Amino acid sequence: MHKDPGTLKRLNEELIMSLFIGGCKGAAISIASSIFMRWRYPTFRNARFQVHLAWHVAWIGAASVWVAESHLIKFEEQVQREHLINRKKYLDQCAEEGRFIEE
């Protein structure tokens, strides 16, 4: 079903856009939570740079994957609907022309 070059191009565009959106959402969450954690918890405030970097990377990565997965599921449903519509049109066309199609 996903062998069509047009569908693959749409899929790539959708994934790139959703990863970018998810990364921006994750960055917003990580920055806000980092500011709060630095203000509230001295242990986090005194942590090394690697801990802070891991905090940001984890939030950005997790959010981008979550958003990309939800967009991928929506894309799959859309492609499935398009496939069923095209199949129905083809079967109607075959019925009008009197051709028998085995399923």
C-alpha atoms as a PDB file:
ATOM      1  CA  MET A   1       0.000   0.000   0.000  1.00  0.00           C
ATOM      2  CA  HIS A   2       2.881   2.388   0.742  1.00  0.00           C
ATOM      3  CA  LYS A   3       4.843   1.592  -2.416  1.00  0.00           C
ATOM      4  CA  ASP A   4       3.361   4.561  -4.271  1.00  0.00           C
ATOM      5  CA  PRO A   5       5.966   7.361  -4.578  1.00  0.00           C
ATOM      6  CA  GLY A   6       3.321  10.015  -3.920  1.00  0.00           C
ATOM      7  CA  THR A   7       2.257   8.317  -0.696  1.00  0.00           C
ATOM      8  CA  LEU A   8       5.869   7.915   0.415  1.00  0.00           C
ATOM      9  CA  LYS A   9       6.555  11.592  -0.254  1.00  0.00           C
ATOM     10  CA  ARG A  10       3.471  12.600   1.753  1.00  0.00           C
ATOM     11  CA  LEU A  11       4.548  10.252   4.546  1.00  0.00           C
ATOM     12  CA  ASN A  12       8.054  11.742   4.662  1.00  0.00           C
ATOM     13  CA  GLU A  13       6.679  15.290   4.751  1.00  0.00           C
ATOM     14  CA  GLU A  14       4.204  14.355   7.480  1.00  0.00           C
ATOM     15  CA  LEU A  15       6.887  12.695   9.622  1.00  0.00           C
ATOM     16  CA  ILE A  16       9.369  15.541   9.254  1.00  0.00           C
ATOM     17  CA  MET A  17       6.734  18.119  10.150  1.00  0.00           C
ATOM     18  CA  SER A  18       5.410  16.122  13.107  1.00  0.00           C
ATOM     19  CA  LEU A  19       8.934  15.484  14.446  1.00  0.00           C
ATOM     20  CA  PHE A  20       9.632  19.211  14.259  1.00  0.00           C
ATOM     21  CA  ILE A  21       6.355  20.094  15.998  1.00  0.00           C
ATOM     22  CA  GLY A  22       6.977  17.464  18.665  1.00  0.00           C
ATOM     23  CA  GLY A  23      10.522  18.687  19.177  1.00  0.00           C
ATOM     24  CA  CYS A  24       9.277  22.249  19.699  1.00  0.00           C
ATOM     25  CA  LYS A  25       6.662  21.051  22.190  1.00  0.00           C
ATOM     26  CA  GLY A  26       9.282  18.968  23.992  1.00  0.00           C
ATOM     27  CA  ALA A  27      11.674  21.915  24.104  1.00  0.00           C
ATOM     28  CA  ALA A  28       8.985  24.101  25.643  1.00  0.00           C
ATOM     29  CA  ILE A  29       8.206  21.448  28.254  1.00  0.00           C
ATOM     30  CA  SER A  30      11.879  20.806  29.036  1.00  0.00           C
ATOM     31  CA  ILE A  31      12.740  24.497  29.374  1.00  0.00           C
ATOM     32  CA  ALA A  32       9.747  25.228  31.591  1.00  0.00           C
ATOM     33  CA  SER A  33      10.314  22.179  33.764  1.00  0.00           C
ATOM     34  CA  SER A  34      14.055  22.867  33.976  1.00  0.00           C
ATOM     35  CA  ILE A  35      13.413  26.393  35.197  1.00  0.00           C
ATOM     36  CA  PHE A  36      10.981  25.062  37.786  1.00  0.00           C
ATOM     37  CA  MET A  37      13.342  22.275  38.875  1.00  0.00           C
ATOM     38  CA  ARG A  38      16.271  24.701  39.202  1.00  0.00           C
ATOM     39  CA  TRP A  39      14.139  27.059  41.288  1.00  0.00           C
ATOM     40  CA  ARG A  40      12.571  24.379  43.488  1.00  0.00           C
ATOM     41  CA  TYR A  41      15.215  21.657  43.936  1.00  0.00           C
ATOM     42  CA  PRO A  42      18.812  22.454  44.941  1.00  0.00           C
ATOM     43  CA  THR A  43      19.903  18.966  43.881  1.00  0.00           C
ATOM     44  CA  PHE A  44      18.853  19.640  40.292  1.00  0.00           C
ATOM     45  CA  ARG A  45      20.347  23.126  40.456  1.00  0.00           C
ATOM     46  CA  ASN A  46      23.727  21.687  41.512  1.00  0.00           C
ATOM     47  CA  ALA A  47      23.683  18.862  38.968  1.00  0.00           C
ATOM     48  CA  ARG A  48      26.309  18.719  36.264  1.00  0.00           C
ATOM     49  CA  PHE A  49      25.815  19.914  32.700  1.00  0.00           C
ATOM     50  CA  GLN A  50      25.358  16.321  31.471  1.00  0.00           C
ATOM     51  CA  VAL A  51      22.307  15.856  33.713  1.00  0.00           C
ATOM     52  CA  HIS A  52      20.687  19.021  32.386  1.00  0.00           C
ATOM     53  CA  LEU A  53      21.501  18.034  28.823  1.00  0.00           C
ATOM     54  CA  ALA A  54      20.029  14.558  29.339  1.00  0.00           C
ATOM     55  CA  TRP A  55      16.890  16.175  30.808  1.00  0.00           C
ATOM     56  CA  HIS A  56      16.377  18.312  27.697  1.00  0.00           C
ATOM     57  CA  VAL A  57      17.229  15.533  25.249  1.00  0.00           C
ATOM     58  CA  ALA A  58      14.829  13.125  26.950  1.00  0.00           C
ATOM     59  CA  TRP A  59      11.912  15.565  26.846  1.00  0.00           C
ATOM     60  CA  ILE A  60      12.554  16.676  23.273  1.00  0.00           C
ATOM     61  CA  GLY A  61      12.998  13.115  22.035  1.00  0.00           C
ATOM     62  CA  ALA A  62       9.967  11.743  23.852  1.00  0.00           C
ATOM     63  CA  ALA A  63       7.664  14.543  22.735  1.00  0.00           C
ATOM     64  CA  SER A  64       8.773  14.309  19.106  1.00  0.00           C
ATOM     65  CA  VAL A  65       8.202  10.554  19.063  1.00  0.00           C
ATOM     66  CA  TRP A  66       4.772  10.874  20.694  1.00  0.00           C
ATOM     67  CA  VAL A  67       3.627  13.524  18.233  1.00  0.00           C
ATOM     68  CA  ALA A  68       5.095  11.667  15.250  1.00  0.00           C
ATOM     69  CA  GLU A  69       3.360   8.460  16.300  1.00  0.00           C
ATOM     70  CA  SER A  70      -0.018  10.147  16.629  1.00  0.00           C
ATOM     71  CA  HIS A  71       0.405  11.804  13.219  1.00  0.00           C
ATOM     72  CA  LEU A  72       1.498   8.488  11.723  1.00  0.00           C
ATOM     73  CA  ILE A  73      -1.638   6.782  13.001  1.00  0.00           C
ATOM     74  CA  LYS A  74      -3.793   9.549  11.486  1.00  0.00           C
ATOM     75  CA  PHE A  75      -1.872   9.248   8.211  1.00  0.00           C
ATOM     76  CA  GLU A  76      -2.395   5.474   8.136  1.00  0.00           C
ATOM     77  CA  GLU A  77      -6.133   5.941   8.667  1.00  0.00           C
ATOM     78  CA  GLN A  78      -6.273   8.521   5.893  1.00  0.00           C
ATOM     79  CA  VAL A  79      -4.380   6.278   3.449  1.00  0.00           C
ATOM     80  CA  GLN A  80      -6.654   3.360   4.384  1.00  0.00           C
ATOM     81  CA  ARG A  81      -9.757   5.492   3.715  1.00  0.00           C
ATOM     82  CA  GLU A  82      -8.341   6.618   0.356  1.00  0.00           C
ATOM     83  CA  HIS A  83      -7.555   3.008  -0.526  1.00  0.00           C
ATOM     84  CA  LEU A  84     -11.102   1.877   0.302  1.00  0.00           C
ATOM     85  CA  ILE A  85     -12.627   4.755  -1.699  1.00  0.00           C
ATOM     86  CA  ASN A  86     -10.456   3.940  -4.723  1.00  0.00           C
ATOM     87  CA  ARG A  87     -11.311   0.243  -4.405  1.00  0.00           C
ATOM     88  CA  LYS A  88     -15.035   1.017  -4.237  1.00  0.00           C
ATOM     89  CA  LYS A  89     -14.772   3.246  -7.322  1.00  0.00           C
ATOM     90  CA  TYR A  90     -12.911   0.493  -9.180  1.00  0.00           C
ATOM     91  CA  LEU A  91     -15.513  -2.128  -8.223  1.00  0.00           C
ATOM     92  CA  ASP A  92     -18.355   0.193  -9.294  1.00  0.00           C
ATOM     93  CA  GLN A  93     -16.611   0.843 -12.582  1.00  0.00           C
ATOM     94  CA  CYS A  94     -16.141  -2.892 -13.165  1.00  0.00           C
ATOM     95  CA  ALA A  95     -19.806  -3.526 -12.317  1.00  0.00           C
ATOM     96  CA  GLU A  96     -20.924  -0.873 -14.818  1.00  0.00           C
ATOM     97  CA  GLU A  97     -18.732  -2.406 -17.524  1.00  0.00           C
ATOM     98  CA  GLY A  98     -19.933  -5.926 -16.709  1.00  0.00           C
ATOM     99  CA  ARG A  99     -16.557  -7.304 -15.646  1.00  0.00           C
ATOM    100  CA  PHE A 100     -16.365  -9.857 -12.863  1.00  0.00           C
ATOM    101  CA  ILE A 101     -13.683  -9.234 -10.247  1.00  0.00           C
ATOM    102  CA  GLU A 102     -12.779 -11.907  -7.705  1.00  0.00           C
ATOM    103  CA  GLU A 103     -11.923 -10.709  -4.224  1.00  0.00           C
END
